[in-house]
């Protein structure tokens, strides 16, 4: 499975330097990309699509085509439009009407990144969302990561340069600033992601594989899913959708059936590097809490326990001989981190000696997602009390939350 947060980009090779006698010529390989960045050529991009979403933000474009044939005596013959005539207005409330209302609020973002050496530079592509009339464009952090140049293209084809105003790698969000007239800026109406239900309509607009203004439809397939940010921090409360999301969709809009913005498309999970119906979006209510800081360029702090763990199942508990059958099994305690200072214990691999967290501040937890979700309600510097089972004994451990520090593996 590929990295869900590799940029959606392609690499443009420059003529290689002549090889030395002891150095055979090495072909320049395209850098993988995703959930969320520029595509290479269409064919190459389809092969390179990975776990993204918008990637995030990967995968091949999914579509369903329904063919309707009318017999000569059918009362519902298809209307035709003469060449040069204006197309009929879409029916109010239809997908076509929603697209017409929302398309101007979604942009395409192209970035260029110069490499350290002379051999190549990379170009990436993703999507963005107009959030106000002051020129703020919301996108994924991985879309603009490392960008030396940013170009924003609007739905009418007009383009301008942009600058990164604020980034939060831990939430995979960023704001790009553009200076254009207000008539080019069409903020999308904001919905309420807290009221979503599985089975509701989900509509995505973005630039998968560089195809600007693409529109896909599906449903909300799941809620409160967990994924991982590019820096390894766990992302919780994610929206799962089967609306096709591919490389280039990252940072684009996920809309509800009324055309309201309910999420920022982030990534897909795909074992075949193509869209298989598992896409993830950051809920808009979560985005709203972070947007003011992103627009001001203020650093955002995220509370952190400093552990690596996994959801404990009864099967794993039986294998390890643990008395607890559910909770969070602490696999590793980050040296010098908040939990290490508090005395939490782990062997570095699943074993009977590892601590099991069963509750935090009196709230019972059975999964690592529940633990991370609770932490998201706290602030750096807050003190929490963990209910822990250690070698069959029940103890309480007080931890003062620190600010998240990226680790080789994700840690809550």
Protein backbone atom coordinates (compact mmCIF):
# COMPACT_ATOMS: atom_id res chain seq x y z
CA UNK A 1 0.00 0.00 0.00
CA UNK A 2 1.42 3.36 -0.92
CA UNK A 3 1.84 6.43 1.17
CA UNK A 4 -1.53 8.19 1.22
CA UNK A 5 0.18 11.53 1.47
CA UNK A 6 2.75 11.39 -1.25
CA UNK A 7 2.22 14.48 -3.42
CA UNK A 8 0.14 14.33 -6.58
CA UNK A 9 2.99 15.30 -8.80
CA UNK A 10 5.17 14.38 -11.67
CA UNK A 11 8.85 14.88 -12.07
CA UNK A 12 10.35 16.59 -15.10
CA UNK A 13 13.83 15.20 -15.72
CA UNK A 14 16.71 17.29 -16.91
CA UNK A 15 19.43 15.74 -19.05
CA UNK A 16 21.62 13.68 -16.73
CA UNK A 17 25.29 14.37 -16.29
CA UNK A 18 27.65 11.94 -18.09
CA UNK A 19 28.37 8.86 -15.96
CA UNK A 20 31.77 8.19 -14.61
CA UNK A 21 33.43 4.85 -15.49
CA UNK A 22 32.40 3.34 -12.17
CA UNK A 23 28.95 4.86 -12.19
CA UNK A 24 26.46 3.34 -14.65
CA UNK A 25 23.72 5.48 -16.08
CA UNK A 26 20.69 5.46 -13.81
CA UNK A 27 17.34 6.22 -15.41
CA UNK A 28 15.44 9.12 -13.88
CA UNK A 29 12.36 7.65 -12.22
CA UNK A 30 9.21 9.68 -11.76
CA UNK A 31 8.56 10.53 -8.16
CA UNK A 32 5.35 8.96 -6.82
CA UNK A 33 2.58 11.24 -5.85
CA UNK A 34 -0.55 11.89 -4.14
CA UNK A 35 -3.66 12.03 -2.46
CA UNK A 36 -3.54 15.27 -3.23
CA UNK A 37 -1.20 16.61 -5.84
CA UNK A 38 -0.39 17.20 -9.47
CA UNK A 39 -0.62 14.42 -11.90
CA UNK A 40 1.88 13.38 -14.49
CA UNK A 41 0.66 12.43 -17.90
CA UNK A 42 -2.79 10.87 -17.69
CA UNK A 43 -1.48 7.34 -18.12
CA UNK A 44 1.38 7.82 -15.71
CA UNK A 45 -0.85 9.50 -13.17
CA UNK A 46 -3.32 6.63 -13.25
CA UNK A 47 -0.52 4.20 -12.50
CA UNK A 48 0.95 6.42 -9.79
CA UNK A 49 -2.32 7.05 -7.95
CA UNK A 50 -2.10 5.74 -4.48
CA UNK A 51 -3.56 6.13 -1.11
CA UNK A 52 -4.68 9.60 -1.27
CA UNK A 53 -7.25 11.72 -1.34
CA UNK A 54 -6.89 14.54 -2.57
CA UNK A 55 -4.76 13.03 -1.34
CA UNK A 56 -4.54 14.01 -0.35
CA UNK A 57 -5.60 13.49 -0.77
CA UNK A 58 -5.37 8.26 -5.88
CA UNK A 59 -6.70 5.76 -8.22
CA UNK A 60 -8.47 5.57 -11.48
CA UNK A 61 -11.52 7.70 -12.03
CA UNK A 62 -14.69 5.88 -11.15
CA UNK A 63 -17.84 6.56 -13.13
CA UNK A 64 -21.19 5.03 -13.85
CA UNK A 65 -22.72 5.63 -17.26
CA UNK A 66 -26.38 4.88 -17.78
CA UNK A 67 -27.66 4.69 -21.32
CA UNK A 68 -31.29 5.52 -22.01
CA UNK A 69 -32.69 4.53 -25.37
CA UNK A 70 -35.95 5.92 -26.64
CA UNK A 71 -38.11 4.08 -29.11
CA UNK A 72 -39.87 5.99 -31.80
CA UNK A 73 -43.15 5.90 -29.92
CA UNK A 74 -41.70 6.87 -26.57
CA UNK A 75 -43.45 9.90 -25.06
CA UNK A 76 -40.18 10.99 -23.41
CA UNK A 77 -37.92 11.55 -26.40
CA UNK A 78 -34.61 13.22 -25.60
CA UNK A 79 -34.59 16.93 -26.42
CA UNK A 80 -31.83 18.08 -28.74
CA UNK A 81 -30.08 21.43 -28.81
CA UNK A 82 -29.24 23.04 -32.11
CA UNK A 83 -25.56 23.92 -32.70
CA UNK A 84 -24.78 27.31 -31.17
CA UNK A 85 -27.95 27.37 -29.07
CA UNK A 86 -27.71 27.86 -25.32
CA UNK A 87 -28.04 24.69 -23.27
CA UNK A 88 -31.20 24.51 -21.18
CA UNK A 89 -30.90 25.55 -17.55
CA UNK A 90 -30.47 22.58 -15.19
CA UNK A 91 -33.40 21.56 -13.05
CA UNK A 92 -33.34 23.25 -9.63
CA UNK A 93 -31.85 20.95 -7.00
CA UNK A 94 -30.35 18.59 -9.58
CA UNK A 95 -26.70 17.58 -9.52
CA UNK A 96 -26.19 19.72 -12.61
CA UNK A 97 -27.63 22.75 -10.80
CA UNK A 98 -25.45 22.12 -7.74
CA UNK A 99 -22.38 21.89 -9.95
CA UNK A 100 -23.17 25.16 -11.68
CA UNK A 101 -23.61 26.87 -8.32
CA UNK A 102 -20.44 25.42 -6.76
CA UNK A 103 -17.86 25.08 -9.54
CA UNK A 104 -16.63 28.67 -9.29
CA UNK A 105 -15.77 28.09 -5.63
CA UNK A 106 -13.24 25.35 -6.42
CA UNK A 107 -9.82 26.06 -7.95
CA UNK A 108 -6.92 24.05 -9.30
CA UNK A 109 -3.56 24.45 -7.57
CA UNK A 110 -0.29 23.76 -9.41
CA UNK A 111 2.98 23.84 -7.53
CA UNK A 112 6.62 23.63 -8.53
CA UNK A 113 9.43 22.48 -6.29
CA UNK A 114 13.07 22.73 -7.24
CA UNK A 115 15.23 19.85 -6.14
CA UNK A 116 18.51 20.28 -4.31
CA UNK A 117 20.44 19.03 -7.33
CA UNK A 118 20.48 20.09 -10.98
CA UNK A 119 18.80 16.99 -12.36
CA UNK A 120 15.10 17.66 -11.94
CA UNK A 121 12.25 19.62 -10.50
CA UNK A 122 8.83 18.37 -9.52
CA UNK A 123 5.43 19.71 -10.37
CA UNK A 124 2.32 18.88 -8.37
CA UNK A 125 -1.36 19.49 -8.79
CA UNK A 126 -4.26 19.54 -6.38
CA UNK A 127 -7.42 21.48 -5.67
CA UNK A 128 -8.52 24.29 -3.39
CA UNK A 129 -11.68 25.91 -2.02
CA UNK A 130 -12.51 29.61 -1.97
CA UNK A 131 -13.49 30.44 1.61
CA UNK A 132 -13.89 34.22 1.54
CA UNK A 133 -13.70 37.30 -0.67
CA UNK A 134 -10.31 38.34 0.74
CA UNK A 135 -8.44 35.81 -1.41
CA UNK A 136 -8.05 32.92 1.03
CA UNK A 137 -7.98 29.48 -0.60
CA UNK A 138 -8.28 26.39 1.61
CA UNK A 139 -6.42 23.23 0.58
CA UNK A 140 -4.46 20.29 2.01
CA UNK A 141 -1.03 20.83 3.52
CA UNK A 142 0.37 18.04 1.38
CA UNK A 143 -0.77 19.83 -1.79
CA UNK A 144 1.57 22.78 -1.15
CA UNK A 145 4.30 20.98 0.82
CA UNK A 146 7.73 22.24 -0.21
CA UNK A 147 6.33 24.42 -2.99
CA UNK A 148 8.58 27.16 -4.32
CA UNK A 149 5.91 28.41 -6.73
CA UNK A 150 2.11 28.17 -6.54
CA UNK A 151 -0.30 28.86 -9.37
CA UNK A 152 -4.05 29.03 -8.75
CA UNK A 153 -6.43 28.57 -11.69
CA UNK A 154 -10.11 29.48 -11.41
CA UNK A 155 -12.97 27.70 -13.14
CA UNK A 156 -13.09 30.32 -15.92
CA UNK A 157 -9.45 29.67 -16.79
CA UNK A 158 -8.00 32.81 -15.24
CA UNK A 159 -4.86 32.09 -13.24
CA UNK A 160 -2.72 33.88 -10.68
CA UNK A 161 0.16 33.19 -8.34
CA UNK A 162 -0.43 32.35 -4.70
CA UNK A 163 1.52 32.26 -1.47
CA UNK A 164 1.16 29.95 1.49
CA UNK A 165 -0.39 31.89 4.34
CA UNK A 166 -0.71 29.18 6.97
CA UNK A 167 -0.04 25.44 7.27
CA UNK A 168 -1.01 22.77 9.78
CA UNK A 169 0.73 19.52 8.88
CA UNK A 170 -0.93 17.73 11.79
CA UNK A 171 -4.40 18.44 10.36
CA UNK A 172 -3.26 18.32 6.70
CA UNK A 173 -4.69 21.77 6.04
CA UNK A 174 -3.27 24.94 4.52
CA UNK A 175 -4.43 28.35 3.31
CA UNK A 176 -3.08 29.91 0.11
CA UNK A 177 -3.46 33.66 -0.43
CA UNK A 178 -4.21 35.15 -3.86
CA UNK A 179 -4.63 38.79 -4.90
CA UNK A 180 -7.50 39.00 -7.37
CA UNK A 181 -10.64 41.06 -7.78
CA UNK A 182 -13.60 40.02 -5.67
CA UNK A 183 -15.60 39.07 -8.78
CA UNK A 184 -13.32 36.03 -9.15
CA UNK A 185 -13.92 34.86 -5.59
CA UNK A 186 -17.03 32.78 -4.97
CA UNK A 187 -16.98 31.31 -1.45
CA UNK A 188 -18.93 28.08 -1.06
CA UNK A 189 -21.81 27.96 1.44
CA UNK A 190 -20.78 26.11 4.59
CA UNK A 191 -22.74 23.10 5.83
CA UNK A 192 -22.74 21.22 9.13
CA UNK A 193 -20.66 18.04 9.16
CA UNK A 194 -21.87 17.14 12.67
CA UNK A 195 -25.34 16.31 11.37
CA UNK A 196 -24.25 14.01 8.53
CA UNK A 197 -25.71 10.53 8.30
CA UNK A 198 -24.47 7.48 6.45
CA UNK A 199 -26.30 7.18 3.15
CA UNK A 200 -26.64 10.91 2.48
CA UNK A 201 -25.50 12.36 -0.84
CA UNK A 202 -21.82 13.27 -1.21
CA UNK A 203 -20.55 15.29 -4.20
CA UNK A 204 -16.90 16.03 -4.95
CA UNK A 205 -15.38 18.76 -7.14
CA UNK A 206 -11.69 18.91 -7.95
CA UNK A 207 -9.00 18.24 -10.55
CA UNK A 208 -8.33 14.47 -10.55
CA UNK A 209 -5.36 13.68 -12.80
CA UNK A 210 -5.35 17.32 -13.84
CA UNK A 211 -8.91 17.27 -15.20
CA UNK A 212 -10.05 20.63 -13.83
CA UNK A 213 -13.61 21.03 -12.63
CA UNK A 214 -14.39 17.31 -12.45
CA UNK A 215 -17.57 16.41 -10.58
CA UNK A 216 -18.27 13.03 -8.98
CA UNK A 217 -21.18 11.75 -6.93
CA UNK A 218 -21.70 9.15 -4.24
CA UNK A 219 -22.87 8.87 -0.66
CA UNK A 220 -21.53 9.23 2.85
CA UNK A 221 -20.17 5.72 3.40
CA UNK A 222 -19.02 6.12 6.99
CA UNK A 223 -18.36 8.64 9.75
CA UNK A 224 -15.71 9.12 12.44
CA UNK A 225 -13.09 7.20 10.49
CA UNK A 226 -9.40 7.40 11.34
CA UNK A 227 -6.51 8.07 8.95
CA UNK A 228 -3.06 9.60 9.28
CA UNK A 229 -1.70 13.05 8.48
CA UNK A 230 1.47 13.40 6.38
CA UNK A 231 3.55 13.99 9.53
CA UNK A 232 2.26 10.80 11.17
CA UNK A 233 -0.34 12.31 13.48
CA UNK A 234 -3.62 10.41 13.69
CA UNK A 235 -6.60 12.12 12.05
CA UNK A 236 -9.96 11.26 13.58
CA UNK A 237 -13.58 11.99 12.79
CA UNK A 238 -12.97 11.71 9.05
CA UNK A 239 -15.82 11.42 6.55
CA UNK A 240 -15.71 8.30 4.38
CA UNK A 241 -17.30 8.54 0.94
CA UNK A 242 -17.62 6.42 -2.18
CA UNK A 243 -17.70 9.51 -4.41
CA UNK A 244 -14.63 8.85 -6.59
CA UNK A 245 -11.63 10.76 -5.23
CA UNK A 246 -8.30 10.53 -7.01
CA UNK A 247 -4.89 12.26 -7.17
CA UNK A 248 -5.59 15.91 -7.84
CA UNK A 249 -8.83 15.88 -5.83
CA UNK A 250 -6.87 16.65 -2.68
CA UNK A 251 -7.91 19.94 -1.18
CA UNK A 252 -11.13 20.03 -3.18
CA UNK A 253 -14.71 20.29 -2.00
CA UNK A 254 -17.01 17.59 -0.66
CA UNK A 255 -20.59 18.84 -0.83
CA UNK A 256 -23.90 17.58 0.48
CA UNK A 257 -27.10 17.22 -1.54
CA UNK A 258 -27.85 20.93 -1.09
CA UNK A 259 -24.48 22.04 -2.43
CA UNK A 260 -23.11 23.01 0.97
CA UNK A 261 -19.47 22.40 1.86
CA UNK A 262 -19.22 19.52 4.35
CA UNK A 263 -15.59 18.47 3.97
CA UNK A 264 -12.17 18.91 2.37
CA UNK A 265 -11.21 15.89 0.25
CA UNK A 266 -8.00 14.51 1.63
CA UNK A 267 -7.07 10.99 0.59
CA UNK A 268 -8.08 7.56 -0.60
CA UNK A 269 -7.14 4.15 0.69
CA UNK A 270 -6.48 1.73 -2.15
CA UNK A 271 -4.45 -1.47 -2.34
CA UNK A 272 -4.43 -1.22 -6.14
CA UNK A 273 -3.45 2.45 -6.41
CA UNK A 274 -6.85 3.30 -7.85
CA UNK A 275 -10.20 4.43 -6.63
CA UNK A 276 -12.00 1.53 -5.01
CA UNK A 277 -14.64 3.50 -3.18
CA UNK A 278 -12.82 4.41 0.03
CA UNK A 279 -12.19 8.13 0.11
CA UNK A 280 -11.72 10.37 3.13
CA UNK A 281 -12.50 14.03 3.75
CA UNK A 282 -11.75 16.33 6.67
CA UNK A 283 -15.08 17.43 8.24
CA UNK A 284 -15.82 21.10 7.67
CA UNK A 285 -16.69 21.66 11.35
CA UNK A 286 -13.16 20.57 12.23
CA UNK A 287 -11.79 22.89 9.55
CA UNK A 288 -13.76 25.85 10.93
CA UNK A 289 -12.01 25.59 14.29
CA UNK A 290 -8.58 25.81 12.62
CA UNK A 291 -9.28 28.23 9.76
CA UNK A 292 -8.87 31.51 11.71
CA UNK A 293 -5.37 30.49 12.80
CA UNK A 294 -4.47 29.29 9.30
CA UNK A 295 -5.62 32.59 7.79
CA UNK A 296 -3.42 34.49 10.25
CA UNK A 297 -0.44 32.16 9.81
CA UNK A 298 -0.48 31.28 13.50
CA UNK A 299 1.14 28.02 14.55
CA UNK A 300 -1.46 25.47 15.70
CA UNK A 301 -0.70 23.22 18.65
CA UNK A 302 -2.09 19.70 18.95
CA UNK A 303 -2.20 17.83 22.30
CA UNK A 304 -0.05 14.72 22.45
CA UNK A 305 0.42 11.80 24.83
CA UNK A 306 3.62 10.60 23.19
CA UNK A 307 2.77 6.93 22.74
CA UNK A 308 2.38 4.45 19.92
CA UNK A 309 -0.42 1.98 20.46
CA UNK A 310 -3.08 -0.19 18.93
CA UNK A 311 -6.66 -1.16 19.64
CA UNK A 312 -6.65 -4.21 21.89
CA UNK A 313 -8.91 -7.04 20.74
CA UNK A 314 -9.91 -10.11 22.71
CA UNK A 315 -7.88 -12.25 20.31
CA UNK A 316 -4.72 -10.24 20.89
CA UNK A 317 -5.37 -10.19 24.64
CA UNK A 318 -5.65 -14.00 24.69
CA UNK A 319 -2.45 -14.40 22.67
CA UNK A 320 -0.53 -12.12 25.05
CA UNK A 321 -2.15 -13.48 28.19
CA UNK A 322 -3.62 -10.11 29.20
CA UNK A 323 -6.47 -9.86 31.67
CA UNK A 324 -7.89 -6.80 29.87
CA UNK A 325 -9.76 -7.67 26.69
CA UNK A 326 -10.26 -4.17 25.26
CA UNK A 327 -8.69 -0.74 25.38
CA UNK A 328 -5.50 0.72 23.90
CA UNK A 329 -2.39 -1.44 24.11
CA UNK A 330 0.64 0.82 24.54
CA UNK A 331 3.33 -0.48 22.19
CA UNK A 332 5.92 2.25 22.57
CA UNK A 333 6.47 5.27 24.80
CA UNK A 334 8.31 8.11 23.08
CA UNK A 335 11.49 8.88 25.07
CA UNK A 336 11.20 12.24 26.77
CA UNK A 337 7.52 12.55 25.78
CA UNK A 338 4.62 13.34 28.12
CA UNK A 339 3.75 9.70 28.85
CA UNK A 340 7.38 8.75 29.41
CA UNK A 341 7.65 11.52 32.00
CA UNK A 342 4.46 10.22 33.64
CA UNK A 343 5.80 6.67 33.88
CA UNK A 344 3.73 4.85 31.25
CA UNK A 345 5.37 1.56 30.26
CA UNK A 346 5.77 -0.45 27.04
CA UNK A 347 8.24 -2.97 25.61
CA UNK A 348 8.46 -1.55 22.10
CA UNK A 349 6.41 -4.43 20.74
CA UNK A 350 3.15 -6.07 21.76
CA UNK A 351 3.74 -8.03 24.96
CA UNK A 352 2.15 -8.96 28.27
CA UNK A 353 4.26 -6.25 29.95
CA UNK A 354 2.67 -3.39 28.02
CA UNK A 355 0.30 -0.99 29.73
CA UNK A 356 -3.34 -1.05 28.59
CA UNK A 357 -5.27 2.24 28.69
CA UNK A 358 -8.93 1.59 29.46
CA UNK A 359 -10.19 5.12 30.21
CA UNK A 360 -9.17 8.77 30.08
CA UNK A 361 -10.59 11.25 32.59
CA UNK A 362 -13.18 8.64 33.51
CA UNK A 363 -14.33 8.12 29.88
CA UNK A 364 -14.06 4.45 28.95
CA UNK A 365 -12.20 3.82 25.68
CA UNK A 366 -12.06 0.66 23.62
CA UNK A 367 -10.18 1.87 20.52
CA UNK A 368 -7.22 4.08 19.73
CA UNK A 369 -9.55 6.27 17.64
CA UNK A 370 -11.63 7.01 20.75
CA UNK A 371 -8.49 7.96 22.64
CA UNK A 372 -7.29 10.30 19.89
CA UNK A 373 -10.74 11.85 19.49
CA UNK A 374 -10.85 12.70 23.18
CA UNK A 375 -7.38 14.25 23.00
CA UNK A 376 -8.60 16.50 20.20
CA UNK A 377 -10.97 18.11 22.70
CA UNK A 378 -8.07 19.08 24.97
CA UNK A 379 -5.28 21.65 24.79
CA UNK A 380 -1.53 21.44 25.09
CA UNK A 381 -0.68 21.79 28.78
CA UNK A 382 -3.90 20.18 30.00
CA UNK A 383 -3.53 17.34 32.47
CA UNK A 384 -5.44 14.10 31.88
CA UNK A 385 -5.81 10.99 34.02
CA UNK A 386 -5.38 7.62 32.35
CA UNK A 387 -6.89 4.45 33.79
CA UNK A 388 -4.27 1.80 33.12
CA UNK A 389 -4.03 -1.95 33.61
CA UNK A 390 -0.42 -3.03 34.25
CA UNK A 391 0.40 -6.70 34.88
CA UNK A 392 -3.18 -7.29 35.98
CA UNK A 393 -3.22 -4.33 38.38
CA UNK A 394 -5.41 -1.23 37.90
CA UNK A 395 -3.61 2.08 38.36
CA UNK A 396 -4.11 5.75 37.49
CA UNK A 397 -1.47 7.74 35.62
CA UNK A 398 -1.61 11.54 35.32
CA UNK A 399 -0.15 12.99 32.10
CA UNK A 400 0.42 16.63 31.14
CA UNK A 401 -0.23 16.84 27.41
CA UNK A 402 2.56 18.12 25.20
CA UNK A 403 2.56 19.52 21.66
CA UNK A 404 2.60 16.88 18.94
CA UNK A 405 6.05 15.96 17.65
CA UNK A 406 6.34 14.04 14.40
CA UNK A 407 7.73 10.54 14.85
CA UNK A 408 8.71 7.76 12.42
CA UNK A 409 5.33 6.18 13.20
CA UNK A 410 2.04 7.78 14.17
CA UNK A 411 1.60 8.50 17.88
CA UNK A 412 -1.45 9.90 19.69
